[in-house]
């Protein structure tokens, strides 16, 4: 497993799903489909996505912090 950050390549909206997929070794497409399907259920999915968007560092900030 790798660290949790939003990649600069392969992002669709903010890179949250791509970052989660990379972190847990899954396909980004599968994570995106699961995210869309979860939005059909009641709950705070959009708020969780927005929080992850704000809290997850971008790839450039992640790499700068590691140097």
Protein backbone atom coordinates (compact mmCIF):
# COMPACT_ATOMS: atom_id res chain seq x y z
CA UNK A 1 0.00 0.00 0.00
CA UNK A 2 1.09 3.52 -0.71
CA UNK A 3 0.34 6.77 1.07
CA UNK A 4 -2.95 8.57 0.68
CA UNK A 5 -2.77 11.56 -1.68
CA UNK A 6 -4.62 12.88 -4.73
CA UNK A 7 -2.62 12.05 -7.89
CA UNK A 8 -2.12 14.67 -10.58
CA UNK A 9 -2.68 12.12 -13.37
CA UNK A 10 -5.82 10.01 -13.74
CA UNK A 11 -8.15 12.28 -11.82
CA UNK A 12 -11.71 12.92 -12.96
CA UNK A 13 -13.06 15.53 -10.54
CA UNK A 14 -10.63 16.01 -7.67
CA UNK A 15 -8.62 12.80 -7.64
CA UNK A 16 -10.17 11.48 -4.42
CA UNK A 17 -11.31 8.17 -5.93
CA UNK A 18 -8.03 7.73 -7.80
CA UNK A 19 -6.10 8.38 -4.58
CA UNK A 20 -8.20 5.93 -2.59
CA UNK A 21 -7.82 3.32 -5.33
CA UNK A 22 -4.05 3.75 -5.43
CA UNK A 23 -3.84 3.57 -1.62
CA UNK A 24 -5.80 0.32 -1.35
CA UNK A 25 -4.57 -1.33 -4.58
CA UNK A 26 -7.90 -1.22 -6.39
CA UNK A 27 -9.01 -0.09 -9.82
CA UNK A 28 -9.93 3.62 -9.95
CA UNK A 29 -12.94 2.73 -12.08
CA UNK A 30 -14.23 0.34 -9.39
CA UNK A 31 -13.84 2.98 -6.68
CA UNK A 32 -15.67 5.54 -8.84
CA UNK A 33 -18.54 3.12 -9.51
CA UNK A 34 -18.81 2.28 -5.81
CA UNK A 35 -18.81 5.99 -4.97
CA UNK A 36 -21.62 6.72 -7.43
CA UNK A 37 -23.62 3.73 -6.20
CA UNK A 38 -23.16 4.80 -2.58
CA UNK A 39 -24.54 8.23 -3.46
CA UNK A 40 -27.83 6.54 -4.31
CA UNK A 41 -28.16 5.54 -0.65
CA UNK A 42 -29.06 8.01 2.09
CA UNK A 43 -26.11 9.35 4.01
CA UNK A 44 -23.34 11.95 4.05
CA UNK A 45 -21.42 10.67 1.01
CA UNK A 46 -21.09 14.09 -0.63
CA UNK A 47 -19.88 15.60 2.62
CA UNK A 48 -17.35 12.79 3.06
CA UNK A 49 -16.11 13.31 -0.51
CA UNK A 50 -15.75 17.06 0.09
CA UNK A 51 -13.87 16.47 3.35
CA UNK A 52 -11.51 14.02 1.63
CA UNK A 53 -11.01 16.54 -1.18
CA UNK A 54 -9.91 19.17 1.32
CA UNK A 55 -7.92 16.88 3.65
CA UNK A 56 -6.03 14.73 1.12
CA UNK A 57 -2.87 16.47 -0.09
CA UNK A 58 -2.24 16.82 -3.78
CA UNK A 59 0.60 14.84 -5.31
CA UNK A 60 2.83 17.90 -5.62
CA UNK A 61 2.41 18.83 -1.93
CA UNK A 62 2.87 15.18 -0.91
CA UNK A 63 6.12 14.85 -2.85
CA UNK A 64 7.41 18.22 -1.59
CA UNK A 65 6.78 17.18 2.00
CA UNK A 66 8.73 13.93 1.53
CA UNK A 67 11.91 15.69 0.37
